[in-house]
Amino acid sequence: MSIHARLRLLRKTLGYTQEKMGVICGIKKSAYSMIENGYTQLSARNRQFLIETLGVNMVWLDEGEGDMFGPESSVFENIDERAKYAREQARIVPLYNFDTVGRLPDPDGNSEYIRGYVAFDGAEHDDVAFTMVGNSMAPTMPAGAVVLLRRLQDWNAVVYGKPYLIILDDGRRLLRRICRCPDAKKSESHFLLRATNRAFEPGMLPIKMISAIFAVKAVCCDVVFR
């Protein structure tokens, strides 16, 4: 039996629709249907959701051996309780090692650079996390803090004064507060970047050098890996 057939069996055993399975994985019904029917592969992130939120036995999921569920799944008395737990746990996001990635995070989680998974209240599908290195944003985001990021599709949504992770076109990464350029002539073409730590000088950045911007949605200094 293929993993796609096992996914179908899992869903029918739970009494779930493809739409509900998609909700658990944080993807649309059509995307889940493509996985279950063998047109696309189950991503590492969605695999983790199934294991973490539903108590699926990873050996059974990957190889078809053993029981469908691990022993922890016995805490669920019925399907509704399992579904409620799944919704609550769907806040898990991948934690990337940005120091070695050298590129943008894979939205499907297919990356060997995922260090683990962390839970954040209010996290949404496609959010990612990374660990702060250095003290440019201390004390609000000290070294070692884990930061929840959400990619901006519309740069006009930038709110001046808020912190953002900026990916430059040469691969460099900066986490700074984006401020309005004080020079009126450059305000349409440059951002003023400020660190929280006053030991770091502010600087001007041409907007054309930016390849992506991630908004900082939350910061946690005491993270439990999953």
N, C-alpha and C. Protein backbone atom coordinates (compact mmCIF):
# COMPACT_ATOMS: atom_id res chain seq x y z
N MET A 1 0.85 -1.20 0.00
CA MET A 1 0.00 0.00 0.00
C MET A 1 0.87 1.24 0.00
N SER A 2 0.59 2.18 -0.89
CA SER A 2 1.37 3.41 -0.98
C SER A 2 1.00 4.36 0.16
N ILE A 3 1.83 5.37 0.38
CA ILE A 3 1.51 6.35 1.42
C ILE A 3 0.23 7.10 1.08
N HIS A 4 -0.05 7.26 -0.21
CA HIS A 4 -1.28 7.94 -0.61
C HIS A 4 -2.50 7.11 -0.22
N ALA A 5 -2.39 5.79 -0.40
CA ALA A 5 -3.48 4.91 0.00
C ALA A 5 -3.63 4.88 1.51
N ARG A 6 -2.51 4.96 2.22
CA ARG A 6 -2.57 4.98 3.69
C ARG A 6 -3.24 6.27 4.18
N LEU A 7 -2.98 7.36 3.51
CA LEU A 7 -3.63 8.62 3.87
C LEU A 7 -5.14 8.52 3.69
N ARG A 8 -5.55 7.87 2.61
CA ARG A 8 -6.98 7.69 2.36
C ARG A 8 -7.60 6.80 3.45
N LEU A 9 -6.88 5.73 3.80
CA LEU A 9 -7.36 4.84 4.86
C LEU A 9 -7.43 5.56 6.19
N LEU A 10 -6.43 6.38 6.48
CA LEU A 10 -6.41 7.16 7.73
C LEU A 10 -7.63 8.08 7.79
N ARG A 11 -7.89 8.77 6.71
CA ARG A 11 -9.01 9.72 6.69
C ARG A 11 -10.34 8.99 6.90
N LYS A 12 -10.53 7.86 6.23
CA LYS A 12 -11.78 7.12 6.36
C LYS A 12 -11.92 6.52 7.75
N THR A 13 -10.80 6.11 8.36
CA THR A 13 -10.83 5.57 9.72
C THR A 13 -11.28 6.64 10.70
N LEU A 14 -10.83 7.87 10.49
CA LEU A 14 -11.19 8.97 11.36
C LEU A 14 -12.60 9.49 11.07
N GLY A 15 -13.13 9.17 9.88
CA GLY A 15 -14.42 9.70 9.50
C GLY A 15 -14.35 11.14 9.04
N TYR A 16 -13.17 11.55 8.55
CA TYR A 16 -12.96 12.92 8.12
C TYR A 16 -13.23 13.08 6.63
N THR A 17 -13.57 14.30 6.23
CA THR A 17 -13.63 14.65 4.82
C THR A 17 -12.24 15.13 4.38
N GLN A 18 -12.04 15.23 3.08
CA GLN A 18 -10.78 15.78 2.58
C GLN A 18 -10.63 17.23 3.02
N GLU A 19 -11.73 17.94 3.13
CA GLU A 19 -11.68 19.33 3.57
C GLU A 19 -11.15 19.43 5.00
N LYS A 20 -11.62 18.54 5.88
CA LYS A 20 -11.17 18.58 7.27
C LYS A 20 -9.70 18.19 7.36
N MET A 21 -9.26 17.22 6.58
CA MET A 21 -7.85 16.85 6.57
C MET A 21 -7.00 18.02 6.08
N GLY A 22 -7.54 18.76 5.11
CA GLY A 22 -6.82 19.94 4.63
C GLY A 22 -6.68 20.98 5.72
N VAL A 23 -7.73 21.18 6.52
CA VAL A 23 -7.69 22.13 7.63
C VAL A 23 -6.60 21.75 8.61
N ILE A 24 -6.51 20.46 8.93
CA ILE A 24 -5.49 19.98 9.87
C ILE A 24 -4.10 20.27 9.34
N CYS A 25 -3.91 20.07 8.04
CA CYS A 25 -2.60 20.28 7.43
C CYS A 25 -2.35 21.74 7.08
N GLY A 26 -3.38 22.57 7.19
CA GLY A 26 -3.21 23.98 6.85
C GLY A 26 -3.19 24.25 5.37
N ILE A 27 -3.85 23.38 4.58
CA ILE A 27 -3.89 23.56 3.13
C ILE A 27 -5.33 23.44 2.66
N LYS A 28 -5.58 23.82 1.42
CA LYS A 28 -6.91 23.74 0.86
C LYS A 28 -7.31 22.30 0.56
N LYS A 29 -8.62 22.07 0.46
CA LYS A 29 -9.13 20.73 0.16
C LYS A 29 -8.53 20.21 -1.14
N SER A 30 -8.44 21.07 -2.16
CA SER A 30 -7.92 20.63 -3.46
C SER A 30 -6.47 20.19 -3.36
N ALA A 31 -5.68 20.89 -2.52
CA ALA A 31 -4.27 20.53 -2.35
C ALA A 31 -4.14 19.20 -1.63
N TYR A 32 -5.00 18.97 -0.61
CA TYR A 32 -4.96 17.69 0.08
C TYR A 32 -5.40 16.56 -0.85
N SER A 33 -6.41 16.81 -1.66
CA SER A 33 -6.89 15.80 -2.60
C SER A 33 -5.78 15.37 -3.56
N MET A 34 -4.96 16.33 -3.99
CA MET A 34 -3.85 16.02 -4.89
C MET A 34 -2.85 15.09 -4.21
N ILE A 35 -2.63 15.29 -2.90
CA ILE A 35 -1.71 14.43 -2.15
C ILE A 35 -2.30 13.03 -2.03
N GLU A 36 -3.56 12.96 -1.60
CA GLU A 36 -4.19 11.67 -1.36
C GLU A 36 -4.30 10.85 -2.63
N ASN A 37 -4.45 11.51 -3.78
CA ASN A 37 -4.59 10.80 -5.05
C ASN A 37 -3.27 10.56 -5.76
N GLY A 38 -2.16 10.93 -5.10
CA GLY A 38 -0.86 10.59 -5.62
C GLY A 38 -0.28 11.54 -6.65
N TYR A 39 -0.90 12.72 -6.80
CA TYR A 39 -0.39 13.67 -7.78
C TYR A 39 0.75 14.52 -7.21
N THR A 40 0.74 14.74 -5.90
CA THR A 40 1.82 15.45 -5.22
C THR A 40 2.22 14.67 -3.98
N GLN A 41 3.40 14.98 -3.46
CA GLN A 41 3.91 14.27 -2.30
C GLN A 41 3.49 14.97 -1.01
N LEU A 42 3.42 14.19 0.06
CA LEU A 42 3.15 14.73 1.39
C LEU A 42 4.39 15.45 1.87
N SER A 43 4.28 16.76 2.14
CA SER A 43 5.45 17.53 2.56
C SER A 43 5.84 17.17 3.99
N ALA A 44 7.06 17.53 4.34
CA ALA A 44 7.56 17.26 5.70
C ALA A 44 6.72 17.99 6.73
N ARG A 45 6.28 19.20 6.38
CA ARG A 45 5.47 19.97 7.32
C ARG A 45 4.12 19.31 7.54
N ASN A 46 3.44 18.89 6.47
CA ASN A 46 2.13 18.26 6.62
C ASN A 46 2.24 16.91 7.30
N ARG A 47 3.32 16.20 7.03
CA ARG A 47 3.56 14.92 7.72
C ARG A 47 3.66 15.17 9.23
N GLN A 48 4.38 16.24 9.60
CA GLN A 48 4.54 16.55 11.02
C GLN A 48 3.21 16.90 11.65
N PHE A 49 2.35 17.62 10.94
CA PHE A 49 1.03 17.95 11.46
C PHE A 49 0.24 16.67 11.78
N LEU A 50 0.28 15.72 10.85
CA LEU A 50 -0.49 14.49 11.04
C LEU A 50 0.02 13.71 12.25
N ILE A 51 1.33 13.67 12.40
CA ILE A 51 1.92 12.94 13.52
C ILE A 51 1.63 13.63 14.84
N GLU A 52 1.84 14.97 14.85
CA GLU A 52 1.70 15.73 16.09
C GLU A 52 0.24 15.91 16.51
N THR A 53 -0.62 16.22 15.56
CA THR A 53 -2.00 16.57 15.92
C THR A 53 -2.94 15.39 16.00
N LEU A 54 -2.66 14.34 15.26
CA LEU A 54 -3.57 13.19 15.24
C LEU A 54 -3.00 11.95 15.92
N GLY A 55 -1.75 12.01 16.34
CA GLY A 55 -1.15 10.85 17.00
C GLY A 55 -0.88 9.70 16.06
N VAL A 56 -0.69 10.01 14.76
CA VAL A 56 -0.41 8.95 13.78
C VAL A 56 0.97 8.37 14.03
N ASN A 57 1.06 7.05 13.95
CA ASN A 57 2.34 6.35 14.09
C ASN A 57 3.19 6.65 12.86
N MET A 58 4.34 7.30 13.03
CA MET A 58 5.14 7.70 11.88
C MET A 58 5.67 6.50 11.10
N VAL A 59 5.92 5.39 11.75
CA VAL A 59 6.39 4.19 11.04
C VAL A 59 5.29 3.66 10.13
N TRP A 60 4.07 3.66 10.65
CA TRP A 60 2.94 3.23 9.81
C TRP A 60 2.75 4.18 8.64
N LEU A 61 2.83 5.48 8.91
CA LEU A 61 2.62 6.47 7.86
C LEU A 61 3.68 6.35 6.77
N ASP A 62 4.93 6.16 7.16
CA ASP A 62 6.03 6.13 6.19
C ASP A 62 6.20 4.77 5.51
N GLU A 63 5.99 3.70 6.29
CA GLU A 63 6.33 2.37 5.78
C GLU A 63 5.17 1.38 5.78
N GLY A 64 4.06 1.73 6.42
CA GLY A 64 2.92 0.83 6.45
C GLY A 64 3.04 -0.28 7.47
N GLU A 65 3.95 -0.13 8.43
CA GLU A 65 4.17 -1.18 9.43
C GLU A 65 3.67 -0.72 10.79
N GLY A 66 3.17 -1.67 11.59
CA GLY A 66 2.70 -1.36 12.93
C GLY A 66 1.28 -0.82 12.94
N ASP A 67 0.90 -0.24 14.08
CA ASP A 67 -0.45 0.30 14.24
C ASP A 67 -0.56 1.67 13.58
N MET A 68 -1.78 2.01 13.20
CA MET A 68 -2.01 3.29 12.55
C MET A 68 -1.73 4.45 13.51
N PHE A 69 -2.09 4.28 14.78
CA PHE A 69 -1.92 5.34 15.76
C PHE A 69 -0.95 4.91 16.85
N GLY A 70 -0.24 5.91 17.39
CA GLY A 70 0.62 5.66 18.52
C GLY A 70 -0.19 5.57 19.80
N PRO A 71 0.43 5.19 20.91
CA PRO A 71 -0.31 5.01 22.17
C PRO A 71 -0.94 6.29 22.68
N GLU A 72 -0.35 7.47 22.32
CA GLU A 72 -0.92 8.72 22.82
C GLU A 72 -2.28 9.03 22.23
N SER A 73 -2.64 8.38 21.13
CA SER A 73 -3.93 8.66 20.50
C SER A 73 -5.10 8.17 21.34
N SER A 74 -4.82 7.33 22.35
CA SER A 74 -5.90 6.79 23.18
C SER A 74 -6.55 7.86 24.05
N VAL A 75 -5.93 9.05 24.15
CA VAL A 75 -6.52 10.10 24.98
C VAL A 75 -7.77 10.67 24.33
N PHE A 76 -8.00 10.39 23.06
CA PHE A 76 -9.18 10.91 22.38
C PHE A 76 -10.32 9.91 22.52
N GLU A 77 -11.47 10.40 22.99
CA GLU A 77 -12.62 9.53 23.18
C GLU A 77 -13.51 9.46 21.96
N ASN A 78 -13.46 10.49 21.12
CA ASN A 78 -14.32 10.49 19.94
C ASN A 78 -13.70 11.37 18.86
N ILE A 79 -14.30 11.34 17.69
CA ILE A 79 -13.79 12.08 16.54
C ILE A 79 -13.84 13.58 16.77
N ASP A 80 -14.92 14.07 17.40
CA ASP A 80 -15.04 15.50 17.63
C ASP A 80 -13.93 16.03 18.53
N GLU A 81 -13.59 15.24 19.56
CA GLU A 81 -12.52 15.65 20.46
C GLU A 81 -11.19 15.68 19.70
N ARG A 82 -10.98 14.70 18.85
CA ARG A 82 -9.75 14.64 18.06
C ARG A 82 -9.67 15.84 17.10
N ALA A 83 -10.79 16.20 16.51
CA ALA A 83 -10.82 17.33 15.58
C ALA A 83 -10.52 18.64 16.31
N LYS A 84 -11.11 18.79 17.51
CA LYS A 84 -10.85 20.00 18.30
C LYS A 84 -9.36 20.11 18.63
N TYR A 85 -8.76 19.00 19.04
CA TYR A 85 -7.33 19.01 19.35
C TYR A 85 -6.51 19.36 18.12
N ALA A 86 -6.93 18.82 16.98
CA ALA A 86 -6.19 19.10 15.74
C ALA A 86 -6.22 20.58 15.40
N ARG A 87 -7.37 21.21 15.57
CA ARG A 87 -7.46 22.63 15.27
C ARG A 87 -6.57 23.45 16.20
N GLU A 88 -6.55 23.06 17.48
CA GLU A 88 -5.74 23.79 18.45
C GLU A 88 -4.25 23.65 18.16
N GLN A 89 -3.86 22.49 17.69
CA GLN A 89 -2.44 22.23 17.46
C GLN A 89 -1.95 22.69 16.09
N ALA A 90 -2.84 23.18 15.24
CA ALA A 90 -2.45 23.60 13.90
C ALA A 90 -1.69 24.91 13.89
N ARG A 91 -1.20 25.33 15.06
CA ARG A 91 -0.40 26.54 15.17
C ARG A 91 1.10 26.22 15.13
N ILE A 92 1.44 24.98 14.86
CA ILE A 92 2.84 24.59 14.81
C ILE A 92 3.46 25.09 13.52
N VAL A 93 4.63 25.71 13.62
CA VAL A 93 5.31 26.23 12.44
C VAL A 93 6.74 25.69 12.40
N PRO A 94 7.33 25.59 11.21
CA PRO A 94 8.71 25.09 11.12
C PRO A 94 9.70 26.14 11.58
N LEU A 95 10.71 25.69 12.29
CA LEU A 95 11.80 26.57 12.75
C LEU A 95 13.00 26.35 11.83
N TYR A 96 13.35 27.39 11.08
CA TYR A 96 14.43 27.30 10.11
C TYR A 96 15.76 27.76 10.69
N ASN A 97 16.82 27.15 10.21
CA ASN A 97 18.16 27.62 10.51
C ASN A 97 18.55 28.60 9.41
N PHE A 98 18.27 29.88 9.62
CA PHE A 98 18.50 30.88 8.59
C PHE A 98 19.98 31.07 8.30
N ASP A 99 20.85 30.70 9.23
CA ASP A 99 22.29 30.87 9.00
C ASP A 99 22.81 29.95 7.92
N THR A 100 22.12 28.86 7.65
CA THR A 100 22.60 27.91 6.65
C THR A 100 21.68 27.80 5.45
N VAL A 101 20.48 28.35 5.54
CA VAL A 101 19.54 28.20 4.44
C VAL A 101 20.08 28.84 3.16
N GLY A 102 20.45 30.12 3.25
CA GLY A 102 20.97 30.81 2.08
C GLY A 102 19.91 31.09 1.03
N ARG A 103 18.65 30.86 1.38
CA ARG A 103 17.55 31.13 0.46
C ARG A 103 16.28 31.25 1.28
N LEU A 104 15.18 31.58 0.63
CA LEU A 104 13.92 31.74 1.33
C LEU A 104 13.39 30.39 1.80
N PRO A 105 12.64 30.36 2.91
CA PRO A 105 12.05 29.11 3.38
C PRO A 105 11.10 28.52 2.35
N ASP A 106 11.08 27.21 2.27
CA ASP A 106 10.16 26.50 1.39
C ASP A 106 8.78 26.51 2.04
N PRO A 107 7.76 27.08 1.39
CA PRO A 107 6.44 27.16 2.00
C PRO A 107 5.81 25.81 2.29
N ASP A 108 6.26 24.74 1.62
CA ASP A 108 5.73 23.40 1.89
C ASP A 108 6.53 22.66 2.95
N GLY A 109 7.58 23.30 3.46
CA GLY A 109 8.36 22.67 4.52
C GLY A 109 9.32 21.61 4.04
N ASN A 110 9.54 21.48 2.72
CA ASN A 110 10.46 20.47 2.22
C ASN A 110 11.89 21.01 2.26
N SER A 111 12.47 21.03 3.42
CA SER A 111 13.81 21.56 3.56
C SER A 111 14.57 20.80 4.63
N GLU A 112 15.81 20.49 4.32
CA GLU A 112 16.66 19.82 5.30
C GLU A 112 17.12 20.78 6.39
N TYR A 113 16.80 22.07 6.23
CA TYR A 113 17.25 23.08 7.17
C TYR A 113 16.23 23.38 8.26
N ILE A 114 15.15 22.62 8.32
CA ILE A 114 14.19 22.77 9.40
C ILE A 114 14.76 22.12 10.65
N ARG A 115 14.94 22.92 11.71
CA ARG A 115 15.51 22.41 12.96
C ARG A 115 14.49 21.68 13.81
N GLY A 116 13.24 22.02 13.63
CA GLY A 116 12.17 21.43 14.42
C GLY A 116 10.90 22.21 14.18
N TYR A 117 9.93 22.04 15.08
CA TYR A 117 8.66 22.74 14.95
C TYR A 117 8.32 23.37 16.29
N VAL A 118 7.79 24.58 16.24
CA VAL A 118 7.45 25.30 17.47
C VAL A 118 6.00 25.77 17.37
N ALA A 119 5.38 25.98 18.51
CA ALA A 119 3.97 26.39 18.55
C ALA A 119 3.88 27.86 18.94
N PHE A 120 3.06 28.61 18.20
CA PHE A 120 2.80 30.01 18.49
C PHE A 120 1.30 30.25 18.45
N ASP A 121 0.78 30.95 19.44
CA ASP A 121 -0.62 31.37 19.39
C ASP A 121 -0.80 32.34 18.22
N GLY A 122 -1.84 32.11 17.44
CA GLY A 122 -2.15 33.01 16.34
C GLY A 122 -1.37 32.75 15.07
N ALA A 123 -0.56 31.70 15.04
CA ALA A 123 0.20 31.38 13.82
C ALA A 123 -0.76 30.95 12.72
N GLU A 124 -0.38 31.24 11.48
CA GLU A 124 -1.18 30.88 10.32
C GLU A 124 -0.38 30.00 9.38
N HIS A 125 -1.10 29.38 8.45
CA HIS A 125 -0.43 28.55 7.45
C HIS A 125 0.58 29.39 6.68
N ASP A 126 1.74 28.83 6.42
CA ASP A 126 2.86 29.45 5.72
C ASP A 126 3.71 30.35 6.61
N ASP A 127 3.33 30.56 7.89
CA ASP A 127 4.23 31.25 8.80
C ASP A 127 5.45 30.38 9.05
N VAL A 128 6.57 31.03 9.35
CA VAL A 128 7.81 30.31 9.67
C VAL A 128 8.43 30.97 10.89
N ALA A 129 9.44 30.32 11.46
CA ALA A 129 10.12 30.87 12.62
C ALA A 129 11.63 30.73 12.44
N PHE A 130 12.36 31.58 13.12
CA PHE A 130 13.82 31.44 13.14
C PHE A 130 14.34 31.96 14.47
N THR A 131 15.58 31.60 14.78
CA THR A 131 16.21 31.98 16.03
C THR A 131 17.09 33.20 15.83
N MET A 132 16.92 34.19 16.70
CA MET A 132 17.71 35.40 16.62
C MET A 132 19.19 35.11 16.90
N VAL A 133 20.04 35.72 16.09
CA VAL A 133 21.49 35.66 16.30
C VAL A 133 21.97 37.10 16.46
N GLY A 134 22.74 37.37 17.50
CA GLY A 134 23.21 38.72 17.74
C GLY A 134 22.21 39.52 18.56
N ASN A 135 22.63 40.71 18.98
CA ASN A 135 21.82 41.52 19.89
C ASN A 135 21.41 42.85 19.29
N SER A 136 21.30 42.92 17.96
CA SER A 136 20.92 44.19 17.34
C SER A 136 19.52 44.62 17.75
N MET A 137 18.64 43.65 18.10
CA MET A 137 17.26 43.98 18.46
C MET A 137 16.98 43.77 19.95
N ALA A 138 18.04 43.58 20.73
CA ALA A 138 17.87 43.44 22.19
C ALA A 138 17.44 44.79 22.77
N PRO A 139 16.64 44.80 23.85
CA PRO A 139 16.26 43.64 24.65
C PRO A 139 14.96 42.97 24.22
N THR A 140 14.22 43.54 23.26
CA THR A 140 12.92 42.96 22.90
C THR A 140 13.07 41.64 22.14
N MET A 141 14.15 41.50 21.36
CA MET A 141 14.42 40.27 20.63
C MET A 141 15.89 39.90 20.83
N PRO A 142 16.24 39.37 22.00
CA PRO A 142 17.64 39.06 22.28
C PRO A 142 18.11 37.84 21.51
N ALA A 143 19.42 37.63 21.50
CA ALA A 143 19.98 36.44 20.86
C ALA A 143 19.39 35.20 21.50
N GLY A 144 18.97 34.25 20.67
CA GLY A 144 18.35 33.03 21.16
C GLY A 144 16.85 33.05 21.16
N ALA A 145 16.24 34.23 21.06
CA ALA A 145 14.78 34.31 21.00
C ALA A 145 14.29 33.74 19.67
N VAL A 146 13.12 33.11 19.69
CA VAL A 146 12.52 32.56 18.48
C VAL A 146 11.44 33.53 17.99
N VAL A 147 11.53 33.87 16.72
CA VAL A 147 10.67 34.90 16.14
C VAL A 147 9.73 34.27 15.12
N LEU A 148 8.43 34.58 15.23
CA LEU A 148 7.43 34.11 14.27
C LEU A 148 7.35 35.12 13.14
N LEU A 149 7.43 34.64 11.89
CA LEU A 149 7.47 35.51 10.72
C LEU A 149 6.33 35.20 9.77
N ARG A 150 5.83 36.25 9.13
CA ARG A 150 4.79 36.08 8.11
C ARG A 150 5.20 36.91 6.90
N ARG A 151 5.32 36.25 5.75
CA ARG A 151 5.79 36.95 4.56
C ARG A 151 4.75 37.95 4.06
N LEU A 152 5.22 39.14 3.70
CA LEU A 152 4.36 40.15 3.12
C LEU A 152 4.31 39.98 1.61
N GLN A 153 3.13 39.83 1.07
CA GLN A 153 2.97 39.75 -0.37
C GLN A 153 2.86 41.15 -0.98
N ASP A 154 2.38 42.10 -0.20
CA ASP A 154 2.22 43.47 -0.66
C ASP A 154 3.09 44.37 0.21
N TRP A 155 4.16 44.90 -0.36
CA TRP A 155 5.07 45.74 0.42
C TRP A 155 4.42 47.03 0.87
N ASN A 156 3.32 47.40 0.27
CA ASN A 156 2.60 48.59 0.73
C ASN A 156 1.98 48.36 2.10
N ALA A 157 1.98 47.11 2.54
CA ALA A 157 1.43 46.78 3.86
C ALA A 157 2.43 47.02 4.98
N VAL A 158 3.64 47.43 4.64
CA VAL A 158 4.65 47.73 5.66
C VAL A 158 4.14 48.84 6.57
N VAL A 159 4.24 48.62 7.88
CA VAL A 159 3.85 49.62 8.87
C VAL A 159 5.13 50.22 9.44
N TYR A 160 5.34 51.47 9.22
CA TYR A 160 6.57 52.10 9.68
C TYR A 160 6.71 52.03 11.20
N GLY A 161 7.91 51.69 11.63
CA GLY A 161 8.20 51.56 13.05
C GLY A 161 8.14 50.14 13.56
N LYS A 162 7.59 49.21 12.76
CA LYS A 162 7.48 47.82 13.16
C LYS A 162 8.71 47.03 12.68
N PRO A 163 9.04 45.92 13.37
CA PRO A 163 10.20 45.12 12.97
C PRO A 163 9.87 44.15 11.84
N TYR A 164 10.84 43.98 10.94
CA TYR A 164 10.70 43.07 9.80
C TYR A 164 12.02 42.37 9.54
N LEU A 165 11.92 41.13 9.06
CA LEU A 165 13.09 40.44 8.54
C LEU A 165 13.16 40.76 7.05
N ILE A 166 14.27 41.33 6.63
CA ILE A 166 14.45 41.76 5.24
C ILE A 166 15.46 40.85 4.57
N ILE A 167 15.06 40.25 3.47
CA ILE A 167 15.96 39.40 2.68
C ILE A 167 16.45 40.22 1.49
N LEU A 168 17.75 40.42 1.40
CA LEU A 168 18.32 41.18 0.29
C LEU A 168 18.57 40.28 -0.91
N ASP A 169 18.70 40.90 -2.08
CA ASP A 169 18.87 40.11 -3.30
C ASP A 169 20.20 39.39 -3.36
N ASP A 170 21.15 39.73 -2.48
CA ASP A 170 22.42 39.01 -2.44
C ASP A 170 22.45 37.94 -1.35
N GLY A 171 21.29 37.69 -0.72
CA GLY A 171 21.18 36.64 0.29
C GLY A 171 21.35 37.10 1.72
N ARG A 172 21.80 38.33 1.94
CA ARG A 172 21.95 38.82 3.30
C ARG A 172 20.59 39.01 3.96
N ARG A 173 20.57 38.94 5.29
CA ARG A 173 19.33 39.06 6.04
C ARG A 173 19.50 40.11 7.13
N LEU A 174 18.52 40.95 7.28
CA LEU A 174 18.55 41.99 8.32
C LEU A 174 17.22 41.98 9.05
N LEU A 175 17.27 42.01 10.37
CA LEU A 175 16.05 42.18 11.14
C LEU A 175 16.14 43.57 11.78
N ARG A 176 15.31 44.46 11.31
CA ARG A 176 15.34 45.85 11.75
C ARG A 176 13.91 46.42 11.75
N ARG A 177 13.75 47.54 12.39
CA ARG A 177 12.51 48.30 12.29
C ARG A 177 12.57 49.14 11.03
N ILE A 178 11.55 49.01 10.20
CA ILE A 178 11.50 49.81 8.97
C ILE A 178 10.84 51.15 9.29
N CYS A 179 11.58 52.22 9.01
CA CYS A 179 11.08 53.57 9.28
C CYS A 179 11.03 54.37 7.99
N ARG A 180 10.24 55.42 8.01
CA ARG A 180 10.13 56.27 6.84
C ARG A 180 11.42 57.06 6.63
N CYS A 181 11.86 57.12 5.41
CA CYS A 181 13.07 57.85 5.07
C CYS A 181 12.86 59.35 5.33
N PRO A 182 13.75 59.99 6.10
CA PRO A 182 13.56 61.41 6.39
C PRO A 182 13.81 62.32 5.19
N ASP A 183 14.52 61.80 4.21
CA ASP A 183 14.80 62.58 3.01
C ASP A 183 13.63 62.41 2.04
N ALA A 184 12.89 63.50 1.83
CA ALA A 184 11.68 63.42 1.00
C ALA A 184 11.99 62.93 -0.41
N LYS A 185 13.16 63.26 -0.92
CA LYS A 185 13.53 62.86 -2.28
C LYS A 185 13.77 61.35 -2.39
N LYS A 186 14.12 60.71 -1.26
CA LYS A 186 14.42 59.28 -1.27
C LYS A 186 13.32 58.44 -0.64
N SER A 187 12.27 59.08 -0.16
CA SER A 187 11.25 58.35 0.60
C SER A 187 10.53 57.28 -0.22
N GLU A 188 10.49 57.44 -1.55
CA GLU A 188 9.83 56.45 -2.39
C GLU A 188 10.77 55.32 -2.80
N SER A 189 12.07 55.51 -2.60
CA SER A 189 13.04 54.52 -3.08
C SER A 189 13.89 53.89 -1.99
N HIS A 190 13.79 54.41 -0.74
CA HIS A 190 14.62 53.92 0.34
C HIS A 190 13.80 53.71 1.62
N PHE A 191 14.27 52.76 2.44
CA PHE A 191 13.78 52.61 3.80
C PHE A 191 14.88 53.05 4.75
N LEU A 192 14.47 53.59 5.90
CA LEU A 192 15.40 53.83 6.99
C LEU A 192 15.27 52.66 7.95
N LEU A 193 16.38 51.98 8.23
CA LEU A 193 16.36 50.81 9.11
C LEU A 193 16.97 51.17 10.47
N ARG A 194 16.27 50.81 11.52
CA ARG A 194 16.74 51.09 12.87
C ARG A 194 16.77 49.81 13.70
N ALA A 195 17.84 49.65 14.48
CA ALA A 195 17.93 48.57 15.44
C ALA A 195 17.36 49.03 16.77
N THR A 196 16.92 48.09 17.60
CA THR A 196 16.45 48.45 18.94
C THR A 196 17.62 48.79 19.84
N ASN A 197 18.71 48.04 19.66
CA ASN A 197 19.93 48.27 20.42
C ASN A 197 20.61 49.54 19.89
N ARG A 198 20.76 50.54 20.74
CA ARG A 198 21.29 51.83 20.31
C ARG A 198 22.76 51.77 19.92
N ALA A 199 23.42 50.66 20.20
CA ALA A 199 24.81 50.51 19.79
C ALA A 199 24.93 50.33 18.28
N PHE A 200 23.80 50.04 17.62
CA PHE A 200 23.79 49.84 16.17
C PHE A 200 23.23 51.10 15.50
N GLU A 201 24.01 51.64 14.56
CA GLU A 201 23.62 52.85 13.87
C GLU A 201 22.50 52.57 12.86
N PRO A 202 21.57 53.52 12.69
CA PRO A 202 20.55 53.37 11.64
C PRO A 202 21.20 53.48 10.27
N GLY A 203 20.51 52.96 9.26
CA GLY A 203 21.06 53.01 7.91
C GLY A 203 19.98 53.09 6.86
N MET A 204 20.35 53.62 5.71
CA MET A 204 19.43 53.73 4.58
C MET A 204 19.58 52.49 3.70
N LEU A 205 18.47 51.98 3.20
CA LEU A 205 18.49 50.81 2.34
C LEU A 205 17.65 51.05 1.09
N PRO A 206 18.25 50.92 -0.11
CA PRO A 206 17.45 51.04 -1.33
C PRO A 206 16.43 49.90 -1.41
N ILE A 207 15.19 50.23 -1.65
CA ILE A 207 14.14 49.23 -1.71
C ILE A 207 14.41 48.22 -2.83
N LYS A 208 15.05 48.63 -3.90
CA LYS A 208 15.31 47.74 -5.02
C LYS A 208 16.25 46.59 -4.65
N MET A 209 16.96 46.70 -3.52
CA MET A 209 17.86 45.63 -3.08
C MET A 209 17.12 44.52 -2.33
N ILE A 210 15.84 44.73 -2.03
CA ILE A 210 15.08 43.79 -1.22
C ILE A 210 14.39 42.76 -2.10
N SER A 211 14.54 41.49 -1.75
CA SER A 211 13.84 40.43 -2.49
C SER A 211 12.60 39.93 -1.77
N ALA A 212 12.57 40.07 -0.43
CA ALA A 212 11.39 39.64 0.33
C ALA A 212 11.40 40.31 1.70
N ILE A 213 10.20 40.46 2.26
CA ILE A 213 10.05 41.03 3.59
C ILE A 213 9.12 40.14 4.40
N PHE A 214 9.54 39.84 5.64
CA PHE A 214 8.72 39.05 6.56
C PHE A 214 8.39 39.93 7.78
N ALA A 215 7.12 40.02 8.11
CA ALA A 215 6.70 40.77 9.29
C ALA A 215 6.92 39.92 10.53
N VAL A 216 7.39 40.54 11.60
CA VAL A 216 7.55 39.86 12.88
C VAL A 216 6.19 39.87 13.58
N LYS A 217 5.62 38.69 13.80
CA LYS A 217 4.28 38.59 14.39
C LYS A 217 4.33 38.27 15.88
N ALA A 218 5.39 37.61 16.33
CA ALA A 218 5.50 37.26 17.75
C ALA A 218 6.94 36.91 18.07
N VAL A 219 7.28 37.02 19.34
CA VAL A 219 8.63 36.68 19.82
C VAL A 219 8.48 35.84 21.07
N CYS A 220 9.26 34.79 21.17
CA CYS A 220 9.23 33.92 22.34
C CYS A 220 10.65 33.60 22.77
N CYS A 221 10.92 33.78 24.06
CA CYS A 221 12.26 33.50 24.58
C CYS A 221 12.31 32.15 25.31
N ASP A 222 11.19 31.45 25.35
CA ASP A 222 11.15 30.15 26.03
C ASP A 222 10.31 29.21 25.18
N VAL A 223 10.95 28.61 24.17
CA VAL A 223 10.25 27.80 23.17
C VAL A 223 10.43 26.32 23.45
N VAL A 224 9.34 25.57 23.31
CA VAL A 224 9.40 24.11 23.40
C VAL A 224 9.38 23.52 22.01
N PHE A 225 10.41 22.75 21.68
CA PHE A 225 10.46 22.11 20.35
C PHE A 225 9.52 20.93 20.32
N ARG A 226 8.95 20.70 19.16
CA ARG A 226 8.05 19.56 18.96
C ARG A 226 8.65 18.62 17.93
